[in-house]
């Protein structure tokens, strides 16, 4: 009987871990994406103006660089 309780607890812990990891992938680390954009911006050649996607029409949700 106690095997089922332990199994349920392990399943719940795995579910919570998977949820936390997926949220981290979706939202990114705090400051991770903006610091990446700042780092790339320092060495990026903005020869078409401040828009890093110019002269094309492509863009990203954040309007800046996307971490690899």
N, C-alpha and C. Protein backbone atom coordinates (compact mmCIF):
# COMPACT_ATOMS: atom_id res chain seq x y z
N UNK A 1 0.82 -1.20 0.00
CA UNK A 1 0.00 0.00 0.00
C UNK A 1 0.87 1.27 0.00
N UNK A 2 1.95 1.24 0.78
CA UNK A 2 2.79 2.43 0.84
C UNK A 2 3.57 2.62 -0.45
N UNK A 3 3.70 1.57 -1.26
CA UNK A 3 4.36 1.68 -2.56
C UNK A 3 3.60 2.63 -3.47
N UNK A 4 2.28 2.58 -3.39
CA UNK A 4 1.46 3.47 -4.22
C UNK A 4 1.63 4.92 -3.80
N UNK A 5 1.72 5.16 -2.50
CA UNK A 5 1.91 6.53 -2.01
C UNK A 5 3.25 7.09 -2.47
N UNK A 6 4.28 6.27 -2.39
CA UNK A 6 5.60 6.71 -2.83
C UNK A 6 5.60 6.94 -4.34
N UNK A 7 4.95 6.05 -5.06
CA UNK A 7 4.86 6.22 -6.51
C UNK A 7 4.14 7.49 -6.91
N UNK A 8 3.05 7.80 -6.20
CA UNK A 8 2.32 9.04 -6.48
C UNK A 8 3.17 10.26 -6.14
N UNK A 9 3.90 10.19 -5.05
CA UNK A 9 4.76 11.31 -4.67
C UNK A 9 5.87 11.52 -5.70
N UNK A 10 6.48 10.45 -6.16
CA UNK A 10 7.53 10.55 -7.18
C UNK A 10 6.96 11.10 -8.48
N UNK A 11 5.77 10.64 -8.87
CA UNK A 11 5.13 11.13 -10.10
C UNK A 11 4.83 12.62 -9.97
N UNK A 12 4.34 13.05 -8.81
CA UNK A 12 4.06 14.47 -8.59
C UNK A 12 5.34 15.30 -8.66
N UNK A 13 6.41 14.80 -8.05
CA UNK A 13 7.67 15.53 -8.08
C UNK A 13 8.22 15.64 -9.50
N UNK A 14 8.12 14.57 -10.27
CA UNK A 14 8.58 14.61 -11.66
C UNK A 14 7.75 15.58 -12.49
N UNK A 15 6.44 15.59 -12.25
CA UNK A 15 5.56 16.52 -12.97
C UNK A 15 5.94 17.96 -12.63
N UNK A 16 6.14 18.26 -11.35
CA UNK A 16 6.51 19.62 -10.96
C UNK A 16 7.87 20.02 -11.52
N UNK A 17 8.80 19.10 -11.55
CA UNK A 17 10.12 19.38 -12.13
C UNK A 17 10.02 19.66 -13.62
N UNK A 18 9.25 18.84 -14.33
CA UNK A 18 9.07 19.06 -15.77
C UNK A 18 8.38 20.39 -16.04
N UNK A 19 7.39 20.74 -15.21
CA UNK A 19 6.70 22.02 -15.38
C UNK A 19 7.66 23.18 -15.15
N UNK A 20 8.45 23.10 -14.10
CA UNK A 20 9.40 24.17 -13.81
C UNK A 20 10.42 24.32 -14.93
N UNK A 21 10.91 23.21 -15.45
CA UNK A 21 11.89 23.28 -16.54
C UNK A 21 11.27 23.84 -17.81
N UNK A 22 10.02 23.47 -18.10
CA UNK A 22 9.39 23.99 -19.31
C UNK A 22 9.11 25.48 -19.18
N UNK A 23 8.76 25.95 -17.99
CA UNK A 23 8.55 27.39 -17.80
C UNK A 23 9.86 28.14 -17.95
N UNK A 24 10.93 27.56 -17.49
CA UNK A 24 12.24 28.20 -17.63
C UNK A 24 12.64 28.30 -19.09
N UNK A 25 12.31 27.29 -19.88
CA UNK A 25 12.63 27.32 -21.31
C UNK A 25 11.80 28.38 -22.01
N UNK A 26 10.52 28.49 -21.65
CA UNK A 26 9.62 29.45 -22.31
C UNK A 26 9.97 30.87 -21.93
N UNK A 27 10.16 31.14 -20.64
CA UNK A 27 10.39 32.51 -20.19
C UNK A 27 11.85 32.89 -20.17
N UNK A 28 12.74 31.93 -20.14
CA UNK A 28 14.17 32.20 -20.08
C UNK A 28 14.59 32.55 -18.67
N UNK A 29 15.87 32.60 -18.45
CA UNK A 29 16.38 32.99 -17.16
C UNK A 29 16.19 34.49 -16.97
N UNK A 30 15.98 34.93 -15.73
CA UNK A 30 15.84 36.37 -15.51
C UNK A 30 17.07 37.10 -16.00
N UNK A 31 16.89 38.01 -16.90
CA UNK A 31 18.00 38.78 -17.44
C UNK A 31 18.79 38.06 -18.49
N UNK A 32 18.49 36.81 -18.74
CA UNK A 32 19.26 36.02 -19.68
C UNK A 32 19.12 36.52 -21.10
N UNK A 33 17.89 36.76 -21.54
CA UNK A 33 17.67 37.19 -22.91
C UNK A 33 18.12 38.63 -23.12
N UNK A 34 17.82 39.52 -22.18
CA UNK A 34 18.22 40.91 -22.36
C UNK A 34 19.73 41.06 -22.28
N UNK A 35 20.39 40.32 -21.39
CA UNK A 35 21.84 40.42 -21.32
C UNK A 35 22.48 39.85 -22.58
N UNK A 36 21.87 38.82 -23.16
CA UNK A 36 22.37 38.28 -24.43
C UNK A 36 22.26 39.34 -25.53
N UNK A 37 21.11 40.00 -25.60
CA UNK A 37 20.90 41.03 -26.61
C UNK A 37 21.89 42.18 -26.43
N UNK A 38 22.15 42.56 -25.19
CA UNK A 38 23.11 43.63 -24.92
C UNK A 38 24.52 43.21 -25.35
N UNK A 39 24.86 41.97 -25.06
CA UNK A 39 26.19 41.48 -25.43
C UNK A 39 26.38 41.45 -26.94
N UNK A 40 25.39 40.97 -27.67
CA UNK A 40 25.48 40.92 -29.13
C UNK A 40 25.47 42.34 -29.71
N UNK A 41 24.67 43.22 -29.13
CA UNK A 41 24.56 44.60 -29.64
C UNK A 41 25.89 45.33 -29.59
N UNK A 42 26.72 45.00 -28.60
CA UNK A 42 28.02 45.68 -28.48
C UNK A 42 28.91 45.45 -29.69
N UNK A 43 28.80 44.27 -30.30
CA UNK A 43 29.68 43.93 -31.42
C UNK A 43 28.96 43.84 -32.76
N UNK A 44 27.67 44.09 -32.78
CA UNK A 44 26.88 43.94 -34.00
C UNK A 44 27.02 45.18 -34.87
N UNK A 45 27.10 44.98 -36.18
CA UNK A 45 27.22 46.10 -37.12
C UNK A 45 25.82 46.55 -37.54
N UNK A 46 25.36 47.67 -36.98
CA UNK A 46 24.03 48.22 -37.29
C UNK A 46 24.13 49.16 -38.49
N UNK A 47 24.63 48.66 -39.62
CA UNK A 47 24.85 49.54 -40.78
C UNK A 47 23.56 50.01 -41.43
N UNK A 48 22.40 49.39 -41.10
CA UNK A 48 21.12 49.83 -41.66
C UNK A 48 20.26 50.56 -40.63
N UNK A 49 20.83 50.97 -39.53
CA UNK A 49 20.09 51.69 -38.50
C UNK A 49 19.94 50.87 -37.23
N UNK A 50 19.17 51.36 -36.27
CA UNK A 50 19.06 50.70 -34.97
C UNK A 50 18.28 49.38 -34.99
N UNK A 51 17.54 49.12 -36.06
CA UNK A 51 16.77 47.88 -36.16
C UNK A 51 17.70 46.76 -36.60
N UNK A 52 17.93 45.74 -35.74
CA UNK A 52 18.88 44.69 -36.12
C UNK A 52 18.38 43.82 -37.27
N UNK A 53 17.10 43.92 -37.64
CA UNK A 53 16.55 43.11 -38.71
C UNK A 53 16.51 43.84 -40.05
N UNK A 54 16.87 45.11 -40.05
CA UNK A 54 16.84 45.90 -41.28
C UNK A 54 17.92 45.41 -42.23
N UNK A 55 17.74 45.44 -43.50
CA UNK A 55 16.64 46.03 -44.25
C UNK A 55 15.47 45.07 -44.48
N UNK A 56 15.49 43.87 -43.91
CA UNK A 56 14.41 42.91 -44.11
C UNK A 56 13.19 43.22 -43.25
N UNK A 57 12.12 42.47 -43.43
CA UNK A 57 10.90 42.64 -42.67
C UNK A 57 10.81 41.66 -41.50
N UNK A 58 11.79 40.79 -41.35
CA UNK A 58 11.76 39.82 -40.26
C UNK A 58 11.90 40.52 -38.92
N UNK A 59 11.36 39.93 -37.88
CA UNK A 59 11.50 40.47 -36.53
C UNK A 59 11.30 39.34 -35.53
N UNK A 60 11.47 39.64 -34.27
CA UNK A 60 11.21 38.66 -33.20
C UNK A 60 10.17 39.24 -32.26
N UNK A 61 9.66 38.43 -31.36
CA UNK A 61 8.66 38.89 -30.42
C UNK A 61 9.20 40.02 -29.56
N UNK A 62 10.46 39.92 -29.17
CA UNK A 62 11.07 40.94 -28.33
C UNK A 62 11.60 42.12 -29.11
N UNK A 63 11.72 41.96 -30.44
CA UNK A 63 12.25 43.04 -31.27
C UNK A 63 13.76 43.14 -31.20
N UNK A 64 14.40 42.13 -30.65
CA UNK A 64 15.84 42.16 -30.54
C UNK A 64 16.39 40.76 -30.85
N UNK A 65 17.64 40.53 -30.53
CA UNK A 65 18.30 39.27 -30.85
C UNK A 65 17.70 38.10 -30.08
N UNK A 66 17.76 36.91 -30.67
CA UNK A 66 17.24 35.70 -30.05
C UNK A 66 18.43 34.83 -29.66
N UNK A 67 18.50 34.42 -28.39
CA UNK A 67 19.61 33.55 -27.98
C UNK A 67 19.62 32.25 -28.76
N UNK A 68 20.80 31.75 -29.06
CA UNK A 68 20.95 30.53 -29.82
C UNK A 68 20.46 29.28 -29.13
